[in-house]
Protein backbone atom coordinates (compact mmCIF):
# COMPACT_ATOMS: atom_id res chain seq x y z
CA UNK A 1 108.55 93.38 102.41
CA UNK A 2 109.72 94.77 98.63
CA UNK A 3 108.23 91.70 96.94
CA UNK A 4 104.48 92.05 98.79
CA UNK A 5 105.10 95.87 97.43
CA UNK A 6 106.04 94.83 94.44
CA UNK A 7 102.89 92.77 93.81
CA UNK A 8 100.52 95.01 95.48
CA UNK A 9 101.44 98.00 92.79
CA UNK A 10 101.40 95.60 89.91
CA UNK A 11 97.42 95.07 91.08
CA UNK A 12 96.94 98.87 91.16
CA UNK A 13 98.50 99.30 87.97
CA UNK A 14 96.50 96.29 86.26
CA UNK A 15 93.26 97.76 88.09
CA UNK A 16 94.22 101.34 87.39
CA UNK A 17 93.94 99.95 83.29
CA UNK A 18 90.76 98.40 83.95
CA UNK A 19 88.96 100.42 85.95
CA UNK A 20 86.87 103.91 84.15
CA UNK A 21 83.41 105.06 82.92
CA UNK A 22 84.54 102.92 79.96
CA UNK A 23 84.40 98.93 80.43
CA UNK A 24 86.81 97.17 78.89
CA UNK A 25 87.37 93.69 79.00
CA UNK A 26 90.87 91.96 80.98
CA UNK A 27 91.08 89.80 77.57
CA UNK A 28 91.25 92.75 75.64
CA UNK A 29 93.89 95.40 77.93
CA UNK A 30 96.34 92.42 77.40
CA UNK A 31 95.76 92.04 73.62
CA UNK A 32 96.28 96.67 73.90
CA UNK A 33 99.31 96.52 75.66
CA UNK A 34 100.92 93.74 73.43
CA UNK A 35 100.34 95.50 70.30
CA UNK A 36 97.62 92.87 69.14
CA UNK A 37 94.37 95.10 69.49
CA UNK A 38 92.31 95.51 66.29
CA UNK A 39 89.35 98.27 67.91
CA UNK A 40 91.34 101.55 68.09
CA UNK A 41 88.92 102.79 70.59
CA UNK A 42 90.15 100.82 73.63
CA UNK A 43 93.80 101.04 71.47
CA UNK A 44 92.68 105.03 72.50
CA UNK A 45 91.06 104.91 76.02
CA UNK A 46 94.08 102.49 76.99
CA UNK A 47 97.47 104.03 75.60
CA UNK A 48 96.31 107.93 75.63
CA UNK A 49 94.46 107.72 78.81
CA UNK A 50 94.29 105.35 81.58
CA UNK A 51 98.57 104.22 80.70
CA UNK A 52 99.94 107.31 81.22
CA UNK A 53 97.96 108.53 83.81
CA UNK A 54 98.88 105.03 85.88
CA UNK A 55 102.59 105.74 84.80
CA UNK A 56 101.95 109.16 86.22
CA UNK A 57 100.71 107.45 89.56
CA UNK A 58 103.63 105.54 90.03
CA UNK A 59 106.02 108.46 89.03
CA UNK A 60 103.93 111.14 91.28
CA UNK A 61 103.79 109.31 94.40
CA UNK A 62 107.51 107.99 94.53
CA UNK A 63 108.57 111.92 94.15
CA UNK A 64 106.43 113.37 96.66
CA UNK A 65 107.40 110.66 98.59
CA UNK A 66 111.15 111.15 98.57
CA UNK A 67 110.26 114.87 98.81
CA UNK A 68 108.69 114.50 102.04
CA UNK A 69 111.37 112.36 103.55
CA UNK A 70 114.31 114.86 102.50
CA UNK A 71 111.92 117.66 104.00
CA UNK A 72 111.24 116.41 107.39
CA UNK A 73 115.04 114.67 107.76
CA UNK A 74 116.06 118.16 106.95
CA UNK A 75 114.13 120.38 109.26
CA UNK A 76 114.09 117.66 111.75
CA UNK A 77 109.72 118.19 111.79
CA UNK A 78 107.59 115.00 111.27
CA UNK A 79 104.81 117.62 109.29
CA UNK A 80 107.20 118.82 107.46
CA UNK A 81 106.39 118.10 104.20
CA UNK A 82 106.78 119.24 100.14
CA UNK A 83 104.77 122.50 100.72
CA UNK A 84 106.13 123.12 103.55
CA UNK A 85 108.52 126.18 102.13
CA UNK A 86 105.91 127.65 99.90
CA UNK A 87 106.74 125.42 96.84
CA UNK A 88 103.61 123.98 95.82
CA UNK A 89 102.17 127.58 96.30
CA UNK A 90 104.56 129.52 94.61
CA UNK A 91 103.53 126.79 91.58
CA UNK A 92 100.24 127.19 92.05
CA UNK A 93 100.82 131.49 92.39
CA UNK A 94 102.57 130.66 88.98
CA UNK A 95 100.03 128.76 87.09
CA UNK A 96 97.46 131.32 88.52
CA UNK A 97 99.61 134.75 87.26
CA UNK A 98 99.71 132.34 83.50
CA UNK A 99 96.14 131.80 83.83
CA UNK A 100 94.34 135.14 84.71
CA UNK A 101 96.80 137.70 83.33
CA UNK A 102 98.36 136.03 80.27
CA UNK A 103 96.18 133.83 78.97
CA UNK A 104 94.75 134.80 75.96
CA UNK A 105 98.63 134.86 75.06
CA UNK A 106 99.15 131.73 76.60
CA UNK A 107 96.76 129.71 76.34
CA UNK A 108 95.97 129.61 71.99
CA UNK A 109 99.20 128.74 71.85
CA UNK A 110 99.63 125.31 74.09
CA UNK A 111 97.57 125.13 77.52
CA UNK A 112 99.73 121.89 78.99
CA UNK A 113 102.61 123.87 77.99
CA UNK A 114 101.74 127.42 79.55
CA UNK A 115 100.00 126.03 82.70
CA UNK A 116 103.99 123.63 83.18
CA UNK A 117 106.29 126.56 82.22
CA UNK A 118 104.10 128.82 84.94
CA UNK A 119 104.41 126.11 87.34
CA UNK A 120 107.92 125.77 87.16
CA UNK A 121 109.28 129.74 87.03
CA UNK A 122 107.10 129.71 89.87
CA UNK A 123 108.31 127.13 92.44
CA UNK A 124 112.00 127.28 90.47
CA UNK A 125 111.54 131.33 91.72
CA UNK A 126 111.45 130.75 95.78
CA UNK A 127 113.17 127.73 95.69
CA UNK A 128 116.18 130.38 94.58
CA UNK A 129 115.37 132.36 97.27
CA UNK A 130 115.15 129.92 99.52
CA UNK A 131 118.49 128.67 98.71
CA UNK A 132 119.69 132.16 98.77
CA UNK A 133 118.03 132.68 102.77
CA UNK A 134 119.83 129.23 103.76
CA UNK A 135 122.69 130.60 103.13
CA UNK A 136 122.12 133.25 106.04
CA UNK A 137 120.11 131.24 108.01
CA UNK A 138 121.03 129.05 109.83
CA UNK A 139 118.22 127.60 112.45
CA UNK A 140 115.72 125.13 110.79
CA UNK A 141 112.87 126.52 112.08
CA UNK A 142 113.46 130.04 111.24
CA UNK A 143 113.52 129.10 107.66
CA UNK A 144 110.12 126.66 108.01
CA UNK A 145 108.40 129.99 109.10
CA UNK A 146 110.00 132.11 105.84
CA UNK A 147 108.81 129.49 104.03
CA UNK A 148 105.30 129.35 105.50
CA UNK A 149 104.83 133.31 105.13
CA UNK A 150 106.21 132.98 101.51
CA UNK A 151 102.91 130.51 101.05
CA UNK A 152 100.29 133.07 102.57
CA UNK A 153 101.73 135.73 100.34
CA UNK A 154 101.36 133.54 97.25
CA UNK A 155 98.27 132.77 98.48
CA UNK A 156 96.90 136.14 99.44
CA UNK A 157 98.37 137.11 95.60
CA UNK A 158 96.01 133.38 93.98
CA UNK A 159 92.98 135.24 95.89
CA UNK A 160 93.83 138.88 94.93
CA UNK A 161 93.55 137.40 90.53
CA UNK A 162 90.93 135.00 91.75
CA UNK A 163 88.51 138.34 92.48
CA UNK A 164 89.86 139.90 89.13
CA UNK A 165 89.62 136.96 87.07
CA UNK A 166 87.46 135.61 84.37
CA UNK A 167 84.44 132.91 85.27
CA UNK A 168 86.39 130.36 82.94
CA UNK A 169 90.06 132.02 83.69
CA UNK A 170 88.65 130.91 87.59
CA UNK A 171 87.79 127.84 86.67
CA UNK A 172 90.58 126.57 84.09
CA UNK A 173 92.46 127.52 87.56
CA UNK A 174 90.25 125.47 89.88
CA UNK A 175 90.02 122.39 88.26
CA UNK A 176 94.17 122.22 87.87
CA UNK A 177 94.11 123.03 91.73
CA UNK A 178 92.29 120.13 92.39
CA UNK A 179 95.51 118.05 91.00
CA UNK A 180 95.07 114.82 89.10
CA UNK A 181 97.24 112.69 87.90
CA UNK A 182 95.87 112.57 84.02
CA UNK A 183 97.40 116.03 83.49
CA UNK A 184 100.71 114.15 81.60
CA UNK A 185 100.36 113.06 78.08
CA UNK A 186 102.13 110.79 76.12
CA UNK A 187 104.35 113.62 74.52
CA UNK A 188 105.02 115.03 78.22
CA UNK A 189 105.39 111.24 79.67
CA UNK A 190 109.11 110.96 78.75
CA UNK A 191 110.31 114.28 79.70
CA UNK A 192 108.63 114.13 83.14
CA UNK A 193 109.74 110.67 84.04
CA UNK A 194 113.58 111.25 83.33
CA UNK A 195 113.28 114.45 85.47
CA UNK A 196 111.58 112.49 88.06
CA UNK A 197 114.02 109.47 87.99
CA UNK A 198 117.18 111.78 87.90
CA UNK A 199 116.62 113.65 91.04
CA UNK A 200 114.95 110.35 92.54
CA UNK A 201 118.03 108.81 91.96
CA UNK A 202 120.15 111.59 93.07
CA UNK A 203 118.71 111.04 96.39
CA UNK A 204 120.07 107.89 96.77
CA UNK A 205 123.45 109.53 96.41
CA UNK A 206 122.44 112.24 99.46
CA UNK A 207 121.64 108.88 101.63
CA UNK A 208 124.91 109.62 104.05
CA UNK A 209 124.74 113.18 105.10
CA UNK A 210 120.57 112.92 105.53
CA UNK A 211 122.09 110.20 107.83
CA UNK A 212 123.99 112.20 109.54
CA UNK A 213 121.53 115.20 109.66
CA UNK A 214 119.36 112.23 111.93
CA UNK A 215 121.88 112.58 114.41
CA UNK A 216 121.90 116.37 114.73
CA UNK A 217 123.23 119.00 113.44
CA UNK A 218 126.56 119.65 115.76
CA UNK A 219 127.45 116.38 116.39
CA UNK A 220 126.97 115.81 111.82
CA UNK A 221 129.25 119.52 111.86
CA UNK A 222 131.89 117.49 114.29
CA UNK A 223 131.76 114.21 112.03
CA UNK A 224 133.01 116.63 108.97
CA UNK A 225 129.42 117.48 107.21
CA UNK A 226 129.47 120.49 105.15
CA UNK A 227 125.83 121.60 106.74
CA UNK A 228 125.11 124.61 105.15
CA UNK A 229 125.99 123.05 101.15
CA UNK A 230 123.76 119.44 102.16
CA UNK A 231 121.00 121.75 102.92
CA UNK A 232 120.87 123.46 99.68
CA UNK A 233 121.71 120.30 97.87
CA UNK A 234 118.80 118.80 99.94
CA UNK A 235 116.46 122.11 99.25
CA UNK A 236 117.25 121.21 95.29
CA UNK A 237 116.47 117.81 95.17
CA UNK A 238 113.66 117.80 97.40
CA UNK A 239 112.06 121.46 95.79
CA UNK A 240 112.80 120.17 91.64
CA UNK A 241 110.72 116.91 92.53
CA UNK A 242 108.34 118.82 94.30
CA UNK A 243 107.84 121.64 91.69
CA UNK A 244 107.90 119.28 88.40
CA UNK A 245 105.11 117.56 89.75
CA UNK A 246 102.89 119.74 90.81
CA UNK A 247 103.32 121.18 87.29
CA UNK A 248 102.03 119.14 85.94
CA UNK A 249 99.75 117.34 88.15
CA UNK A 250 98.44 120.11 90.11
CA UNK A 251 99.02 120.54 94.36
CA UNK A 252 98.71 117.45 95.73
CA UNK A 253 97.87 117.22 99.29
CA UNK A 254 99.11 114.62 102.26
CA UNK A 255 101.54 111.93 100.10
CA UNK A 256 104.58 114.00 100.73
CA UNK A 257 103.70 114.14 104.17
CA UNK A 258 102.07 111.10 104.59
CA UNK A 259 104.20 108.49 103.39
CA UNK A 260 107.73 108.45 105.21
CA UNK A 261 106.45 108.30 108.38
CA UNK A 262 104.69 104.94 106.53
CA UNK A 263 108.12 103.83 105.42
CA UNK A 264 109.47 104.17 109.10
CA UNK A 265 106.65 102.32 110.24
CA UNK A 266 106.96 99.54 107.82
CA UNK A 267 110.95 99.15 107.97
CA UNK A 268 111.22 99.92 112.20
CA UNK A 269 114.19 102.72 111.76
CA UNK A 270 114.33 106.07 110.62
CA UNK A 271 117.84 104.85 108.53
CA UNK A 272 117.27 105.97 105.06
CA UNK A 273 119.21 103.06 103.63
CA UNK A 274 115.86 101.30 104.81
CA UNK A 275 113.46 104.06 104.55
CA UNK A 276 114.05 105.94 101.12
CA UNK A 277 113.56 102.49 98.61
CA UNK A 278 110.77 101.88 100.85
CA UNK A 279 109.76 105.36 100.47
CA UNK A 280 109.63 105.20 96.29
CA UNK A 281 107.38 101.88 96.72
CA UNK A 282 105.28 103.14 99.22
CA UNK A 283 104.26 106.43 97.68
CA UNK A 284 103.83 104.79 94.11
CA UNK A 285 101.31 102.61 95.56
CA UNK A 286 99.53 105.22 97.68
CA UNK A 287 99.19 107.09 94.46
CA UNK A 288 97.53 104.11 92.48
CA UNK A 289 95.74 102.93 95.47
CA UNK A 290 94.39 107.55 95.52
CA UNK A 291 93.87 107.04 91.31
CA UNK A 292 92.10 104.13 91.46
CA UNK A 293 89.53 105.49 93.79
CA UNK A 294 89.24 109.01 91.66
CA UNK A 295 88.19 106.67 88.65
CA UNK A 296 86.14 104.24 90.83
CA UNK A 297 82.68 106.73 90.07
CA UNK A 298 83.16 105.80 86.21
CA UNK A 299 80.28 107.02 84.55
CA UNK A 300 79.38 109.63 87.42
CA UNK A 301 82.74 111.22 85.93
CA UNK A 302 86.53 111.44 88.41
CA UNK A 303 87.18 112.58 91.64
CA UNK A 304 89.36 115.28 92.28
CA UNK A 305 93.35 114.07 93.44
CA UNK A 306 92.82 115.79 96.27
CA UNK A 307 89.68 114.97 97.72
CA UNK A 308 90.99 111.54 97.97
CA UNK A 309 94.16 112.07 99.35
CA UNK A 310 93.06 113.28 102.87
CA UNK A 311 91.31 109.39 103.14
CA UNK A 312 95.18 108.17 102.97
CA UNK A 313 97.09 111.38 104.65
CA UNK A 314 94.65 112.08 107.45
CA UNK A 315 95.43 109.06 110.01
CA UNK A 316 98.76 109.08 109.44
CA UNK A 317 98.70 112.94 110.52
CA UNK A 318 96.10 112.42 113.65
CA UNK A 319 98.95 108.94 114.67
CA UNK A 320 101.81 111.17 114.39
CA UNK A 321 100.04 113.93 116.80
CA UNK A 322 98.35 111.53 119.34
CA UNK A 323 101.74 109.33 119.58
CA UNK A 324 104.13 112.66 119.77
CA UNK A 325 101.29 113.72 122.89
CA UNK A 326 101.79 109.94 124.36
CA UNK A 327 105.35 110.26 124.62
CA UNK A 328 105.48 113.96 126.27
CA UNK A 329 103.00 112.47 129.06
């Protein structure tokens, strides 16, 4: 199974390098990757655009999938996802504040840095708040509702900022909120990749508490698991993965929600020892597939990422709802 996923990942990776508004022969792509090409235009397109975009898709897909798996396990809810606690929405609020209120100060300095900073500050603030609240609220459903309410609050504030924003600032924010894997340049790719890699690897160290939580909190506590501390660590890992991807790529829907279910279906178990590695591979594959669909129009332009992700996500959600309804009959 892993071998087939790896082959599919490699195929999609090279298809992402091949497809785009500019037609580049396959041989030239290999020449650029092997540093044997004298064509400066091809070098720029591949090395500064398509290659970082493809790597970003792999890293982001894996991060969102792992984040979604953690959320679904912590809250024992199959419809929980990376955006469930308001992390994505507060990232968007941070970007909105920078875009609408401080654009003249920050955007003139470095627009990418400003957007990332605003997003990280927004998600960081809500993450600290949620970790603090989780110390007092022991019920998962209550914490889930708190996260949803925070999402509504941030959405309302974003609407107000949009109403008073300039035409250009509204356009900039709207484009960012559509999602894209093209937001990470070569200069940011190392930092972005390292942060995601560290926290994805950290999630593998949390497989034991994740499996214990599958048994129920009472049973897990009887087995010696510190529920409060474990949930705080898991929320931090999931929150950082979501916030760093949202900061660079915008709020991306459905990948974190759908991929864990696909991984469980492939593994035929809920054991995180098998499901977590599958999430990493499947998330990367689906993210590459989504990015490929975005660039396939070619000269007509690039589709927004959030216009494509529902193609994979919605059927999975419908299947979950139908399956749960069937089991309850």
